[in-house]
N, C-alpha and C. Protein backbone atom coordinates (compact mmCIF):
# COMPACT_ATOMS: atom_id res chain seq x y z
N MET A 1 -32.42 65.18 11.42
CA MET A 1 -31.22 65.27 10.63
C MET A 1 -30.20 66.16 11.35
N LYS A 2 -30.68 67.17 12.02
CA LYS A 2 -29.75 68.08 12.69
C LYS A 2 -29.07 67.36 13.85
N ASN A 3 -29.84 66.52 14.54
CA ASN A 3 -29.27 65.77 15.66
C ASN A 3 -28.23 64.80 15.22
N PHE A 4 -28.46 64.14 14.09
CA PHE A 4 -27.49 63.23 13.54
C PHE A 4 -26.19 63.94 13.17
N THR A 5 -26.30 65.06 12.49
CA THR A 5 -25.09 65.90 12.18
C THR A 5 -24.35 66.31 13.43
N SER A 6 -25.05 66.72 14.42
CA SER A 6 -24.40 67.17 15.70
C SER A 6 -23.66 65.99 16.33
N TYR A 7 -24.30 64.84 16.40
CA TYR A 7 -23.62 63.65 16.99
C TYR A 7 -22.39 63.29 16.16
N LEU A 8 -22.51 63.35 14.83
CA LEU A 8 -21.39 62.99 13.97
C LEU A 8 -20.21 63.95 14.18
N LEU A 9 -20.45 65.19 14.23
CA LEU A 9 -19.40 66.18 14.50
C LEU A 9 -18.71 66.02 15.82
N ILE A 10 -19.54 65.75 16.88
CA ILE A 10 -18.97 65.51 18.20
C ILE A 10 -18.11 64.24 18.19
N THR A 11 -18.61 63.20 17.55
CA THR A 11 -17.84 61.95 17.48
C THR A 11 -16.53 62.18 16.76
N LEU A 12 -16.50 62.82 15.66
CA LEU A 12 -15.32 63.09 14.92
C LEU A 12 -14.35 63.94 15.75
N ALA A 13 -14.78 64.90 16.45
CA ALA A 13 -13.94 65.70 17.29
C ALA A 13 -13.28 64.88 18.38
N LEU A 14 -14.06 63.99 19.01
CA LEU A 14 -13.48 63.16 20.06
C LEU A 14 -12.45 62.15 19.46
N MET A 15 -12.77 61.65 18.30
CA MET A 15 -11.86 60.71 17.70
C MET A 15 -10.48 61.38 17.35
N LEU A 16 -10.55 62.62 16.86
CA LEU A 16 -9.33 63.29 16.53
C LEU A 16 -8.51 63.63 17.80
N THR A 17 -9.18 64.00 18.84
CA THR A 17 -8.54 64.25 20.13
C THR A 17 -7.85 62.98 20.64
N ALA A 18 -8.55 61.87 20.54
CA ALA A 18 -8.00 60.62 21.04
C ALA A 18 -6.77 60.23 20.19
N CYS A 19 -6.78 60.42 18.94
CA CYS A 19 -5.65 60.08 18.03
C CYS A 19 -4.43 60.91 18.43
N ASN A 20 -4.63 62.19 18.76
CA ASN A 20 -3.49 63.02 19.20
C ASN A 20 -2.91 62.53 20.53
N THR A 21 -3.82 62.08 21.41
CA THR A 21 -3.35 61.58 22.69
C THR A 21 -2.60 60.31 22.57
N VAL A 22 -3.05 59.38 21.79
CA VAL A 22 -2.34 58.12 21.56
C VAL A 22 -1.06 58.36 20.84
N ARG A 23 -1.03 59.25 19.95
CA ARG A 23 0.22 59.59 19.26
C ARG A 23 1.28 60.12 20.23
N GLY A 24 0.85 61.01 21.15
CA GLY A 24 1.72 61.59 22.15
C GLY A 24 2.29 60.51 23.08
N VAL A 25 1.45 59.56 23.46
CA VAL A 25 1.88 58.48 24.36
C VAL A 25 2.93 57.59 23.62
N GLY A 26 2.65 57.37 22.38
CA GLY A 26 3.61 56.51 21.52
C GLY A 26 4.90 57.26 21.44
N GLN A 27 4.96 58.58 21.27
CA GLN A 27 6.18 59.29 21.19
C GLN A 27 6.98 59.21 22.51
N ASP A 28 6.22 59.37 23.63
CA ASP A 28 6.88 59.26 24.94
C ASP A 28 7.47 57.89 25.20
N VAL A 29 6.74 56.85 24.81
CA VAL A 29 7.30 55.48 25.00
C VAL A 29 8.53 55.27 24.14
N GLN A 30 8.52 55.78 22.91
CA GLN A 30 9.68 55.70 22.01
C GLN A 30 10.86 56.37 22.59
N LYS A 31 10.68 57.59 23.18
CA LYS A 31 11.83 58.34 23.78
C LYS A 31 12.32 57.55 25.01
N ALA A 32 11.43 56.95 25.78
CA ALA A 32 11.87 56.21 26.97
C ALA A 32 12.70 54.98 26.49
N GLY A 33 12.30 54.33 25.45
CA GLY A 33 13.03 53.19 24.86
C GLY A 33 14.41 53.56 24.39
N THR A 34 14.49 54.75 23.77
CA THR A 34 15.79 55.26 23.29
C THR A 34 16.70 55.55 24.41
N ALA A 35 16.15 56.11 25.49
CA ALA A 35 16.99 56.43 26.67
C ALA A 35 17.48 55.13 27.29
N ILE A 36 16.68 54.13 27.32
CA ILE A 36 17.07 52.83 27.95
C ILE A 36 18.16 52.24 27.10
N GLU A 37 18.03 52.26 25.75
CA GLU A 37 19.09 51.71 24.86
C GLU A 37 20.36 52.43 25.01
N ASN A 38 20.34 53.73 25.15
CA ASN A 38 21.56 54.54 25.36
C ASN A 38 22.24 54.18 26.67
N ALA A 39 21.47 53.96 27.72
CA ALA A 39 22.00 53.63 29.00
C ALA A 39 22.64 52.24 28.97
N VAL A 40 22.10 51.32 28.25
CA VAL A 40 22.62 49.97 28.14
C VAL A 40 23.93 49.95 27.35
N LYS A 41 24.02 50.81 26.34
CA LYS A 41 25.21 50.86 25.53
C LYS A 41 26.41 51.39 26.26
N LYS A 42 26.15 52.27 27.28
CA LYS A 42 27.21 52.87 28.03
C LYS A 42 27.74 51.84 28.97
């Protein structure tokens, strides 16, 4: 039971880290898209 709990906690920690990474990439892509839109409007 201890092993299962350990694996579960490690998996949850990795999933949370991955979510933050994906969120950061999404924000970067959104900022790049906004910059391109502004350049086209000029």
